[in-house]
Amino acid sequence: MNVVHPAAQPRRITLAMTGASGAPYALRLLQQLCLQQVEVSLLISSAAKVVLATEVELQLSGKAEGVVATLAEHLGVDGGLIKVYGKEEWFSPVASGSAAPRQMVILPCSTGTLAAVATGMSDNLIERAADVVIKERGQLIVVPREMPLSAIHLEHMLKLAQLGVTVMPAAPGFYHQPQQISDLVDFVVARILDHLGLDQQLVGRWGYGLR
């Protein structure tokens, strides 16, 4: 008797970009996910679009199709792997525990989004998607990019960490002897890929050629 095995399902990850500084980190992660054939549910806040225009001079249109086309061309990836959802698309897969990817990264994560997720606000799709991952006991990684940190920020990070969320501030190391800004970006993205259980060849590992 021949047994027919179902085709392997593609890896699915939600990536949310909010209004903190750090757009290059998000773009590099998006590129690396697509290069590994990961299907990305992409959520971009209005503030994140302002940051993208400011930091990397990348203008995104208001329509999802235009956003995908611009990002795919800019990053040199297959746009078919990217699905963009608006902030109030409540019927999107990421809004429901029955359909959402079990892994999500908020990069960069503004302190406003950090507070909203920590308190379960769910006022927009980014906050709802994060709430879903937490309640379904999936993997949520938040990457705050802020300094200095107040007691309010630290309390929110502690609350999320106690819920099992990985809090990974965008704080690149220097032991790999970075020569340019992209090397610092790659350091942070490499650590995120490690935590997602994905392969990374961006930065060598401590003890394996690094001194």
N, C-alpha and C. Protein backbone atom coordinates (compact mmCIF):
# COMPACT_ATOMS: atom_id res chain seq x y z
N MET A 1 0.85 -1.19 0.00
CA MET A 1 0.00 0.00 0.00
C MET A 1 0.89 1.25 0.00
N ASN A 2 0.63 2.13 -0.93
CA ASN A 2 1.41 3.34 -1.00
C ASN A 2 0.83 4.40 -0.07
N VAL A 3 1.70 4.99 0.73
CA VAL A 3 1.29 6.04 1.66
C VAL A 3 1.68 7.39 1.07
N VAL A 4 0.70 8.26 0.92
CA VAL A 4 0.96 9.59 0.38
C VAL A 4 1.16 10.56 1.53
N HIS A 5 2.32 11.12 1.60
CA HIS A 5 2.62 12.08 2.66
C HIS A 5 2.29 13.49 2.18
N PRO A 6 1.65 14.27 3.04
CA PRO A 6 1.34 15.65 2.64
C PRO A 6 2.61 16.45 2.41
N ALA A 7 2.54 17.40 1.49
CA ALA A 7 3.70 18.23 1.21
C ALA A 7 4.07 19.05 2.44
N ALA A 8 5.35 19.22 2.64
CA ALA A 8 5.82 19.98 3.79
C ALA A 8 5.29 21.41 3.71
N GLN A 9 4.77 21.88 4.82
CA GLN A 9 4.25 23.22 4.87
C GLN A 9 5.40 24.22 4.98
N PRO A 10 5.32 25.35 4.28
CA PRO A 10 6.38 26.35 4.36
C PRO A 10 6.43 26.97 5.75
N ARG A 11 7.60 27.38 6.16
CA ARG A 11 7.77 28.07 7.44
C ARG A 11 7.07 29.41 7.36
N ARG A 12 6.36 29.78 8.41
CA ARG A 12 5.62 31.03 8.44
C ARG A 12 6.00 31.83 9.67
N ILE A 13 6.33 33.10 9.48
CA ILE A 13 6.71 33.99 10.58
C ILE A 13 6.06 35.34 10.38
N THR A 14 5.61 35.94 11.46
CA THR A 14 5.07 37.30 11.40
C THR A 14 6.18 38.28 11.77
N LEU A 15 6.35 39.31 10.96
CA LEU A 15 7.32 40.37 11.22
C LEU A 15 6.56 41.68 11.29
N ALA A 16 6.69 42.37 12.42
CA ALA A 16 6.04 43.66 12.60
C ALA A 16 7.08 44.75 12.76
N MET A 17 6.88 45.84 12.04
CA MET A 17 7.77 47.00 12.12
C MET A 17 7.00 48.15 12.73
N THR A 18 7.55 48.73 13.81
CA THR A 18 6.89 49.87 14.44
C THR A 18 7.78 51.10 14.35
N GLY A 19 7.39 52.18 15.04
CA GLY A 19 8.01 53.48 14.79
C GLY A 19 9.30 53.80 15.48
N ALA A 20 9.95 52.84 16.10
CA ALA A 20 11.27 53.11 16.69
C ALA A 20 12.33 53.17 15.60
N SER A 21 13.46 53.78 15.90
CA SER A 21 14.58 53.78 14.97
C SER A 21 15.10 52.35 14.82
N GLY A 22 15.60 52.04 13.62
CA GLY A 22 16.13 50.69 13.41
C GLY A 22 15.58 50.01 12.18
N ALA A 23 15.12 50.78 11.20
CA ALA A 23 14.58 50.19 9.97
C ALA A 23 15.56 49.24 9.28
N PRO A 24 16.87 49.54 9.24
CA PRO A 24 17.80 48.62 8.57
C PRO A 24 17.79 47.22 9.16
N TYR A 25 17.56 47.11 10.47
CA TYR A 25 17.48 45.79 11.08
C TYR A 25 16.31 44.99 10.50
N ALA A 26 15.16 45.64 10.42
CA ALA A 26 13.96 44.96 9.93
C ALA A 26 14.09 44.55 8.48
N LEU A 27 14.65 45.43 7.67
CA LEU A 27 14.81 45.11 6.25
C LEU A 27 15.76 43.94 6.05
N ARG A 28 16.84 43.92 6.81
CA ARG A 28 17.81 42.82 6.69
C ARG A 28 17.19 41.50 7.14
N LEU A 29 16.41 41.54 8.21
CA LEU A 29 15.75 40.31 8.67
C LEU A 29 14.74 39.84 7.63
N LEU A 30 13.96 40.75 7.09
CA LEU A 30 12.98 40.38 6.06
C LEU A 30 13.69 39.73 4.88
N GLN A 31 14.80 40.30 4.47
CA GLN A 31 15.55 39.74 3.36
C GLN A 31 16.02 38.32 3.67
N GLN A 32 16.58 38.12 4.86
CA GLN A 32 17.10 36.82 5.23
C GLN A 32 15.99 35.77 5.35
N LEU A 33 14.84 36.17 5.85
CA LEU A 33 13.72 35.24 5.94
C LEU A 33 13.27 34.80 4.54
N CYS A 34 13.16 35.74 3.63
CA CYS A 34 12.73 35.41 2.27
C CYS A 34 13.76 34.54 1.57
N LEU A 35 15.03 34.81 1.78
CA LEU A 35 16.07 34.00 1.15
C LEU A 35 16.04 32.57 1.64
N GLN A 36 15.48 32.36 2.84
CA GLN A 36 15.34 31.00 3.36
C GLN A 36 13.94 30.43 3.10
N GLN A 37 13.22 31.09 2.19
CA GLN A 37 11.90 30.62 1.75
C GLN A 37 10.87 30.57 2.88
N VAL A 38 10.99 31.52 3.78
CA VAL A 38 10.01 31.66 4.86
C VAL A 38 8.90 32.59 4.39
N GLU A 39 7.66 32.20 4.61
CA GLU A 39 6.54 33.07 4.29
C GLU A 39 6.37 34.09 5.41
N VAL A 40 6.39 35.36 5.05
CA VAL A 40 6.37 36.42 6.05
C VAL A 40 5.05 37.18 6.01
N SER A 41 4.37 37.20 7.16
CA SER A 41 3.21 38.07 7.33
C SER A 41 3.76 39.39 7.85
N LEU A 42 3.71 40.42 7.04
CA LEU A 42 4.37 41.68 7.35
C LEU A 42 3.37 42.74 7.79
N LEU A 43 3.63 43.31 8.97
CA LEU A 43 2.78 44.35 9.53
C LEU A 43 3.64 45.59 9.72
N ILE A 44 3.24 46.70 9.12
CA ILE A 44 4.04 47.93 9.17
C ILE A 44 3.15 49.07 9.66
N SER A 45 3.53 49.66 10.79
CA SER A 45 2.75 50.78 11.31
C SER A 45 2.99 52.03 10.48
N SER A 46 2.12 53.02 10.65
CA SER A 46 2.28 54.28 9.93
C SER A 46 3.58 54.96 10.34
N ALA A 47 3.91 54.89 11.62
CA ALA A 47 5.15 55.49 12.10
C ALA A 47 6.37 54.78 11.52
N ALA A 48 6.26 53.46 11.32
CA ALA A 48 7.37 52.71 10.74
C ALA A 48 7.64 53.16 9.32
N LYS A 49 6.60 53.52 8.59
CA LYS A 49 6.79 54.02 7.22
C LYS A 49 7.55 55.33 7.22
N VAL A 50 7.30 56.16 8.22
CA VAL A 50 8.03 57.42 8.35
C VAL A 50 9.51 57.14 8.64
N VAL A 51 9.75 56.17 9.51
CA VAL A 51 11.13 55.80 9.85
C VAL A 51 11.86 55.24 8.63
N LEU A 52 11.18 54.41 7.86
CA LEU A 52 11.78 53.85 6.64
C LEU A 52 12.19 54.96 5.67
N ALA A 53 11.31 55.93 5.50
CA ALA A 53 11.61 57.04 4.60
C ALA A 53 12.77 57.87 5.12
N THR A 54 12.87 58.00 6.43
CA THR A 54 13.90 58.83 7.05
C THR A 54 15.26 58.14 7.07
N GLU A 55 15.26 56.85 7.44
CA GLU A 55 16.53 56.16 7.68
C GLU A 55 17.12 55.50 6.43
N VAL A 56 16.26 55.04 5.54
CA VAL A 56 16.79 54.35 4.34
C VAL A 56 16.22 54.93 3.05
N GLU A 57 15.50 56.05 3.17
CA GLU A 57 14.92 56.74 2.01
C GLU A 57 14.07 55.79 1.16
N LEU A 58 13.29 54.99 1.85
CA LEU A 58 12.41 54.04 1.16
C LEU A 58 10.97 54.47 1.37
N GLN A 59 10.32 54.85 0.28
CA GLN A 59 8.94 55.31 0.34
C GLN A 59 8.00 54.15 0.02
N LEU A 60 7.08 53.86 0.92
CA LEU A 60 6.13 52.78 0.72
C LEU A 60 4.75 53.34 0.41
N SER A 61 4.09 52.76 -0.56
CA SER A 61 2.75 53.20 -0.93
C SER A 61 1.75 52.74 0.11
N GLY A 62 0.53 53.23 -0.03
CA GLY A 62 -0.50 52.85 0.93
C GLY A 62 -1.10 51.49 0.67
N LYS A 63 -0.96 50.98 -0.55
CA LYS A 63 -1.56 49.70 -0.91
C LYS A 63 -0.59 48.55 -0.68
N ALA A 64 -1.13 47.43 -0.21
CA ALA A 64 -0.30 46.27 0.12
C ALA A 64 0.53 45.80 -1.07
N GLU A 65 -0.09 45.78 -2.27
CA GLU A 65 0.63 45.30 -3.45
C GLU A 65 1.85 46.18 -3.75
N GLY A 66 1.68 47.48 -3.58
CA GLY A 66 2.78 48.39 -3.83
C GLY A 66 3.89 48.24 -2.81
N VAL A 67 3.51 48.00 -1.56
CA VAL A 67 4.50 47.79 -0.51
C VAL A 67 5.34 46.54 -0.80
N VAL A 68 4.67 45.47 -1.19
CA VAL A 68 5.38 44.22 -1.50
C VAL A 68 6.33 44.42 -2.67
N ALA A 69 5.85 45.07 -3.72
CA ALA A 69 6.67 45.28 -4.91
C ALA A 69 7.92 46.11 -4.59
N THR A 70 7.74 47.16 -3.81
CA THR A 70 8.87 48.03 -3.45
C THR A 70 9.89 47.28 -2.61
N LEU A 71 9.41 46.54 -1.61
CA LEU A 71 10.32 45.82 -0.73
C LEU A 71 11.04 44.69 -1.47
N ALA A 72 10.31 43.97 -2.31
CA ALA A 72 10.92 42.87 -3.05
C ALA A 72 12.03 43.37 -3.96
N GLU A 73 11.79 44.50 -4.63
CA GLU A 73 12.81 45.07 -5.51
C GLU A 73 13.99 45.58 -4.71
N HIS A 74 13.72 46.26 -3.62
CA HIS A 74 14.79 46.84 -2.80
C HIS A 74 15.68 45.76 -2.19
N LEU A 75 15.09 44.65 -1.78
CA LEU A 75 15.83 43.59 -1.10
C LEU A 75 16.29 42.48 -2.03
N GLY A 76 15.79 42.45 -3.25
CA GLY A 76 16.16 41.40 -4.18
C GLY A 76 15.63 40.04 -3.80
N VAL A 77 14.36 40.00 -3.37
CA VAL A 77 13.75 38.75 -2.92
C VAL A 77 12.45 38.49 -3.67
N ASP A 78 11.90 37.31 -3.46
CA ASP A 78 10.64 36.90 -4.07
C ASP A 78 9.48 37.53 -3.31
N GLY A 79 8.79 38.46 -3.94
CA GLY A 79 7.67 39.12 -3.30
C GLY A 79 6.52 38.20 -2.98
N GLY A 80 6.49 37.04 -3.61
CA GLY A 80 5.42 36.09 -3.34
C GLY A 80 5.48 35.52 -1.93
N LEU A 81 6.60 35.69 -1.26
CA LEU A 81 6.74 35.20 0.12
C LEU A 81 6.26 36.22 1.15
N ILE A 82 5.95 37.42 0.70
CA ILE A 82 5.58 38.50 1.62
C ILE A 82 4.09 38.81 1.48
N LYS A 83 3.40 38.81 2.61
CA LYS A 83 1.99 39.19 2.63
C LYS A 83 1.83 40.34 3.62
N VAL A 84 1.41 41.48 3.11
CA VAL A 84 1.26 42.67 3.95
C VAL A 84 -0.19 42.81 4.40
N TYR A 85 -0.36 43.09 5.70
CA TYR A 85 -1.70 43.30 6.25
C TYR A 85 -1.79 44.69 6.88
N GLY A 86 -2.93 45.33 6.73
CA GLY A 86 -3.16 46.64 7.32
C GLY A 86 -3.47 46.56 8.79
N LYS A 87 -3.42 47.71 9.47
CA LYS A 87 -3.54 47.73 10.93
C LYS A 87 -4.93 47.33 11.44
N GLU A 88 -5.94 47.31 10.56
CA GLU A 88 -7.28 46.94 10.99
C GLU A 88 -7.85 45.76 10.19
N GLU A 89 -6.97 44.94 9.64
CA GLU A 89 -7.44 43.74 8.92
C GLU A 89 -7.67 42.62 9.93
N TRP A 90 -8.79 42.73 10.64
CA TRP A 90 -9.06 41.81 11.74
C TRP A 90 -9.37 40.39 11.26
N PHE A 91 -9.66 40.22 9.98
CA PHE A 91 -9.92 38.87 9.46
C PHE A 91 -8.67 38.24 8.85
N SER A 92 -7.52 38.85 9.06
CA SER A 92 -6.27 38.27 8.58
C SER A 92 -5.85 37.10 9.48
N PRO A 93 -5.08 36.16 8.97
CA PRO A 93 -4.68 34.99 9.77
C PRO A 93 -3.97 35.35 11.07
N VAL A 94 -3.18 36.43 11.08
CA VAL A 94 -2.40 36.75 12.29
C VAL A 94 -3.28 37.17 13.46
N ALA A 95 -4.55 37.47 13.19
CA ALA A 95 -5.44 37.94 14.24
C ALA A 95 -6.11 36.81 15.01
N SER A 96 -5.89 35.59 14.58
CA SER A 96 -6.58 34.45 15.20
C SER A 96 -5.61 33.34 15.60
N GLY A 97 -5.82 32.81 16.78
CA GLY A 97 -4.98 31.71 17.25
C GLY A 97 -5.10 30.46 16.41
N SER A 98 -6.18 30.35 15.63
CA SER A 98 -6.37 29.16 14.81
C SER A 98 -5.57 29.19 13.52
N ALA A 99 -5.02 30.37 13.18
CA ALA A 99 -4.36 30.50 11.88
C ALA A 99 -3.02 31.23 11.92
N ALA A 100 -2.74 31.94 12.98
CA ALA A 100 -1.54 32.78 13.02
C ALA A 100 -0.26 31.94 13.07
N PRO A 101 0.82 32.46 12.45
CA PRO A 101 2.13 31.81 12.62
C PRO A 101 2.48 31.75 14.10
N ARG A 102 3.21 30.72 14.48
CA ARG A 102 3.56 30.55 15.90
C ARG A 102 4.79 31.33 16.30
N GLN A 103 5.41 32.02 15.35
CA GLN A 103 6.58 32.83 15.64
C GLN A 103 6.35 34.25 15.14
N MET A 104 6.77 35.22 15.95
CA MET A 104 6.59 36.62 15.59
C MET A 104 7.76 37.44 16.11
N VAL A 105 8.19 38.39 15.31
CA VAL A 105 9.25 39.33 15.71
C VAL A 105 8.72 40.74 15.54
N ILE A 106 8.88 41.57 16.56
CA ILE A 106 8.56 42.99 16.44
C ILE A 106 9.89 43.72 16.39
N LEU A 107 10.21 44.25 15.21
CA LEU A 107 11.54 44.81 14.96
C LEU A 107 11.45 45.97 13.98
N PRO A 108 11.81 47.19 14.39
CA PRO A 108 12.10 47.56 15.77
C PRO A 108 10.80 47.66 16.57
N CYS A 109 10.92 47.56 17.87
CA CYS A 109 9.75 47.64 18.75
C CYS A 109 9.79 48.96 19.50
N SER A 110 8.84 49.83 19.21
CA SER A 110 8.77 51.10 19.92
C SER A 110 8.34 50.86 21.36
N THR A 111 8.64 51.82 22.24
CA THR A 111 8.23 51.65 23.64
C THR A 111 6.71 51.73 23.77
N GLY A 112 6.06 52.42 22.83
CA GLY A 112 4.60 52.45 22.83
C GLY A 112 4.02 51.08 22.53
N THR A 113 4.57 50.40 21.52
CA THR A 113 4.13 49.04 21.21
C THR A 113 4.47 48.09 22.34
N LEU A 114 5.65 48.26 22.93
CA LEU A 114 6.06 47.45 24.08
C LEU A 114 5.03 47.55 25.19
N ALA A 115 4.59 48.76 25.50
CA ALA A 115 3.60 48.98 26.55
C ALA A 115 2.27 48.35 26.19
N ALA A 116 1.86 48.53 24.93
CA ALA A 116 0.57 48.00 24.50
C ALA A 116 0.53 46.48 24.56
N VAL A 117 1.61 45.84 24.13
CA VAL A 117 1.67 44.37 24.16
C VAL A 117 1.71 43.88 25.60
N ALA A 118 2.48 44.56 26.44
CA ALA A 118 2.62 44.13 27.84
C ALA A 118 1.31 44.24 28.61
N THR A 119 0.45 45.16 28.18
CA THR A 119 -0.82 45.36 28.88
C THR A 119 -2.01 44.79 28.13
N GLY A 120 -1.75 44.10 27.01
CA GLY A 120 -2.82 43.43 26.28
C GLY A 120 -3.80 44.36 25.61
N MET A 121 -3.35 45.50 25.11
CA MET A 121 -4.26 46.49 24.53
C MET A 121 -4.97 46.00 23.28
N SER A 122 -4.23 45.43 22.32
CA SER A 122 -4.81 44.88 21.09
C SER A 122 -5.65 45.89 20.32
N ASP A 123 -5.18 47.13 20.24
CA ASP A 123 -5.94 48.17 19.53
C ASP A 123 -5.67 48.21 18.03
N ASN A 124 -4.62 47.52 17.59
CA ASN A 124 -4.36 47.42 16.16
C ASN A 124 -3.85 46.02 15.86
N LEU A 125 -3.60 45.71 14.60
CA LEU A 125 -3.28 44.34 14.23
C LEU A 125 -1.92 43.89 14.78
N ILE A 126 -0.97 44.82 14.88
CA ILE A 126 0.33 44.43 15.45
C ILE A 126 0.16 43.98 16.89
N GLU A 127 -0.57 44.77 17.66
CA GLU A 127 -0.78 44.42 19.07
C GLU A 127 -1.60 43.14 19.20
N ARG A 128 -2.60 42.99 18.37
CA ARG A 128 -3.43 41.77 18.41
C ARG A 128 -2.61 40.55 18.02
N ALA A 129 -1.78 40.67 16.98
CA ALA A 129 -0.96 39.53 16.55
C ALA A 129 -0.02 39.09 17.66
N ALA A 130 0.57 40.06 18.36
CA ALA A 130 1.45 39.73 19.47
C ALA A 130 0.68 39.07 20.60
N ASP A 131 -0.51 39.58 20.88
CA ASP A 131 -1.37 39.00 21.92
C ASP A 131 -1.71 37.55 21.59
N VAL A 132 -1.97 37.28 20.32
CA VAL A 132 -2.29 35.93 19.88
C VAL A 132 -1.12 34.98 20.10
N VAL A 133 0.07 35.42 19.72
CA VAL A 133 1.25 34.56 19.89
C VAL A 133 1.49 34.26 21.37
N ILE A 134 1.29 35.25 22.23
CA ILE A 134 1.49 35.03 23.66
C ILE A 134 0.46 34.06 24.21
N LYS A 135 -0.82 34.28 23.87
CA LYS A 135 -1.86 33.42 24.43
C LYS A 135 -1.79 32.00 23.90
N GLU A 136 -1.29 31.84 22.67
CA GLU A 136 -1.15 30.50 22.10
C GLU A 136 0.18 29.85 22.47
N ARG A 137 0.94 30.54 23.33
CA ARG A 137 2.24 30.05 23.81
C ARG A 137 3.21 29.78 22.67
N GLY A 138 3.20 30.72 21.71
CA GLY A 138 4.17 30.66 20.64
C GLY A 138 5.44 31.42 21.01
N GLN A 139 6.21 31.80 20.02
CA GLN A 139 7.47 32.51 20.27
C GLN A 139 7.36 33.95 19.78
N LEU A 140 7.47 34.87 20.72
CA LEU A 140 7.46 36.28 20.40
C LEU A 140 8.81 36.89 20.78
N ILE A 141 9.42 37.58 19.82
CA ILE A 141 10.68 38.29 20.06
C ILE A 141 10.41 39.77 19.85
N VAL A 142 10.73 40.59 20.86
CA VAL A 142 10.61 42.03 20.71
C VAL A 142 12.00 42.63 20.75
N VAL A 143 12.24 43.58 19.85
CA VAL A 143 13.57 44.19 19.73
C VAL A 143 13.44 45.70 19.95
N PRO A 144 13.47 46.12 21.22
CA PRO A 144 13.37 47.56 21.50
C PRO A 144 14.64 48.28 21.05
N ARG A 145 14.47 49.53 20.61
CA ARG A 145 15.61 50.36 20.23
C ARG A 145 15.35 51.73 20.85
N GLU A 146 15.78 51.85 22.10
CA GLU A 146 15.53 53.07 22.86
C GLU A 146 16.62 53.23 23.91
N MET A 147 16.99 54.47 24.20
CA MET A 147 17.92 54.76 25.28
C MET A 147 17.79 56.22 25.70
N PRO A 148 17.92 56.49 27.01
CA PRO A 148 17.96 55.52 28.10
C PRO A 148 16.59 54.89 28.31
N LEU A 149 16.55 53.85 29.12
CA LEU A 149 15.31 53.16 29.43
C LEU A 149 14.80 53.63 30.80
N SER A 150 13.54 53.99 30.85
CA SER A 150 12.95 54.39 32.12
C SER A 150 12.45 53.16 32.87
N ALA A 151 12.06 53.36 34.12
CA ALA A 151 11.51 52.25 34.91
C ALA A 151 10.25 51.70 34.26
N ILE A 152 9.50 52.56 33.56
CA ILE A 152 8.28 52.12 32.87
C ILE A 152 8.65 51.10 31.79
N HIS A 153 9.65 51.44 30.98
CA HIS A 153 10.08 50.53 29.91
C HIS A 153 10.56 49.21 30.50
N LEU A 154 11.36 49.29 31.55
CA LEU A 154 11.93 48.09 32.16
C LEU A 154 10.85 47.22 32.78
N GLU A 155 9.84 47.84 33.37
CA GLU A 155 8.73 47.07 33.94
C GLU A 155 7.98 46.31 32.84
N HIS A 156 7.78 46.96 31.71
CA HIS A 156 7.08 46.29 30.61
C HIS A 156 7.92 45.14 30.05
N MET A 157 9.23 45.34 29.94
CA MET A 157 10.11 44.27 29.48
C MET A 157 10.10 43.10 30.45
N LEU A 158 10.13 43.41 31.75
CA LEU A 158 10.11 42.34 32.76
C LEU A 158 8.80 41.55 32.67
N LYS A 159 7.69 42.24 32.52
CA LYS A 159 6.40 41.56 32.43
C LYS A 159 6.36 40.62 31.23
N LEU A 160 6.85 41.10 30.09
CA LEU A 160 6.86 40.27 28.89
C LEU A 160 7.82 39.09 29.05
N ALA A 161 8.99 39.33 29.64
CA ALA A 161 9.95 38.24 29.85
C ALA A 161 9.35 37.17 30.75
N GLN A 162 8.59 37.58 31.74
CA GLN A 162 7.96 36.61 32.64
C GLN A 162 6.88 35.80 31.94
N LEU A 163 6.37 36.33 30.82
CA LEU A 163 5.37 35.61 30.02
C LEU A 163 6.03 34.71 28.97
N GLY A 164 7.36 34.72 28.92
CA GLY A 164 8.07 33.88 27.97
C GLY A 164 8.49 34.59 26.70
N VAL A 165 8.25 35.89 26.64
CA VAL A 165 8.66 36.68 25.47
C VAL A 165 10.17 36.91 25.54
N THR A 166 10.84 36.82 24.41
CA THR A 166 12.28 37.11 24.34
C THR A 166 12.46 38.59 24.07
N VAL A 167 13.09 39.27 25.02
CA VAL A 167 13.37 40.70 24.87
C VAL A 167 14.82 40.84 24.43
N MET A 168 15.01 41.32 23.22
CA MET A 168 16.34 41.36 22.61
C MET A 168 16.64 42.78 22.12
N PRO A 169 17.12 43.65 23.00
CA PRO A 169 17.42 45.02 22.57
C PRO A 169 18.42 45.04 21.42
N ALA A 170 18.27 46.02 20.55
CA ALA A 170 19.18 46.15 19.41
C ALA A 170 20.51 46.69 19.92
N ALA A 171 21.33 45.79 20.46
CA ALA A 171 22.61 46.18 21.06
C ALA A 171 23.71 45.31 20.47
N PRO A 172 24.23 45.69 19.29
CA PRO A 172 25.23 44.85 18.62
C PRO A 172 26.54 44.78 19.40
N GLY A 173 27.20 43.63 19.29
CA GLY A 173 28.52 43.48 19.88
C GLY A 173 29.59 43.97 18.92
N PHE A 174 30.82 43.95 19.40
CA PHE A 174 31.93 44.44 18.59
C PHE A 174 33.07 43.43 18.48
N TYR A 175 32.89 42.25 19.10
CA TYR A 175 33.98 41.28 19.09
C TYR A 175 34.21 40.66 17.72
N HIS A 176 33.26 40.86 16.79
CA HIS A 176 33.47 40.37 15.43
C HIS A 176 34.17 41.42 14.56
N GLN A 177 34.64 42.49 15.20
CA GLN A 177 35.41 43.55 14.54
C GLN A 177 34.68 44.12 13.32
N PRO A 178 33.52 44.75 13.55
CA PRO A 178 32.75 45.32 12.44
C PRO A 178 33.52 46.41 11.71
N GLN A 179 33.39 46.40 10.39
CA GLN A 179 34.09 47.37 9.56
C GLN A 179 33.14 48.43 9.01
N GLN A 180 31.84 48.16 9.03
CA GLN A 180 30.87 49.10 8.51
C GLN A 180 29.54 48.90 9.23
N ILE A 181 28.62 49.83 9.01
CA ILE A 181 27.35 49.78 9.72
C ILE A 181 26.60 48.48 9.45
N SER A 182 26.68 47.98 8.23
CA SER A 182 25.97 46.74 7.89
C SER A 182 26.45 45.57 8.75
N ASP A 183 27.69 45.60 9.21
CA ASP A 183 28.19 44.53 10.08
C ASP A 183 27.50 44.57 11.44
N LEU A 184 27.19 45.77 11.93
CA LEU A 184 26.48 45.90 13.20
C LEU A 184 25.03 45.45 13.04
N VAL A 185 24.43 45.79 11.91
CA VAL A 185 23.07 45.34 11.63
C VAL A 185 23.03 43.81 11.57
N ASP A 186 23.99 43.23 10.89
CA ASP A 186 24.02 41.77 10.75
C ASP A 186 24.18 41.07 12.09
N PHE A 187 24.90 41.68 13.01
CA PHE A 187 25.08 41.06 14.33
C PHE A 187 23.73 40.84 15.01
N VAL A 188 22.91 41.87 15.01
CA VAL A 188 21.60 41.78 15.66
C VAL A 188 20.69 40.80 14.91
N VAL A 189 20.68 40.90 13.59
CA VAL A 189 19.82 40.02 12.79
C VAL A 189 20.25 38.56 12.95
N ALA A 190 21.55 38.32 13.03
CA ALA A 190 22.05 36.96 13.21
C ALA A 190 21.55 36.36 14.51
N ARG A 191 21.53 37.15 15.58
CA ARG A 191 21.04 36.64 16.87
C ARG A 191 19.54 36.34 16.81
N ILE A 192 18.80 37.17 16.08
CA ILE A 192 17.37 36.91 15.94
C ILE A 192 17.14 35.61 15.17
N LEU A 193 17.88 35.41 14.09
CA LEU A 193 17.75 34.18 13.31
C LEU A 193 18.09 32.97 14.17
N ASP A 194 19.11 33.09 15.01
CA ASP A 194 19.46 32.00 15.92
C ASP A 194 18.27 31.63 16.79
N HIS A 195 17.61 32.63 17.35
CA HIS A 195 16.50 32.37 18.26
C HIS A 195 15.27 31.84 17.52
N LEU A 196 15.17 32.15 16.24
CA LEU A 196 14.06 31.62 15.45
C LEU A 196 14.34 30.20 14.97
N GLY A 197 15.56 29.72 15.22
CA GLY A 197 15.92 28.38 14.78
C GLY A 197 16.22 28.29 13.31
N LEU A 198 16.66 29.42 12.72
CA LEU A 198 17.00 29.46 11.31
C LEU A 198 18.50 29.58 11.12
N ASP A 199 18.97 29.11 10.00
CA ASP A 199 20.39 29.16 9.70
C ASP A 199 20.83 30.60 9.46
N GLN A 200 22.06 30.90 9.86
CA GLN A 200 22.60 32.22 9.56
C GLN A 200 24.09 32.13 9.31
N GLN A 201 24.51 32.80 8.26
CA GLN A 201 25.93 32.87 7.90
C GLN A 201 26.41 34.32 7.94
N LEU A 202 25.70 35.17 8.65
CA LEU A 202 26.01 36.59 8.66
C LEU A 202 27.20 36.92 9.54
N VAL A 203 27.26 36.26 10.68
CA VAL A 203 28.31 36.56 11.67
C VAL A 203 28.86 35.24 12.21
N GLY A 204 30.18 35.15 12.31
CA GLY A 204 30.80 33.96 12.89
C GLY A 204 30.45 33.80 14.35
N ARG A 205 30.58 32.60 14.86
CA ARG A 205 30.21 32.32 16.23
C ARG A 205 31.41 32.37 17.17
N TRP A 206 31.15 32.78 18.38
CA TRP A 206 32.20 32.86 19.40
C TRP A 206 32.85 31.49 19.57
N GLY A 207 34.16 31.46 19.55
CA GLY A 207 34.87 30.20 19.72
C GLY A 207 35.12 29.46 18.44
N TYR A 208 34.52 29.94 17.32
CA TYR A 208 34.70 29.30 16.03
C TYR A 208 35.28 30.33 15.05
N GLY A 209 36.51 30.70 15.27
CA GLY A 209 37.17 31.64 14.39
C GLY A 209 37.14 33.07 14.91
N LEU A 210 36.32 33.32 15.95
CA LEU A 210 36.31 34.64 16.55
C LEU A 210 37.19 34.63 17.79
N ARG A 211 37.92 35.71 17.98
CA ARG A 211 38.78 35.80 19.15
C ARG A 211 38.28 36.88 20.09
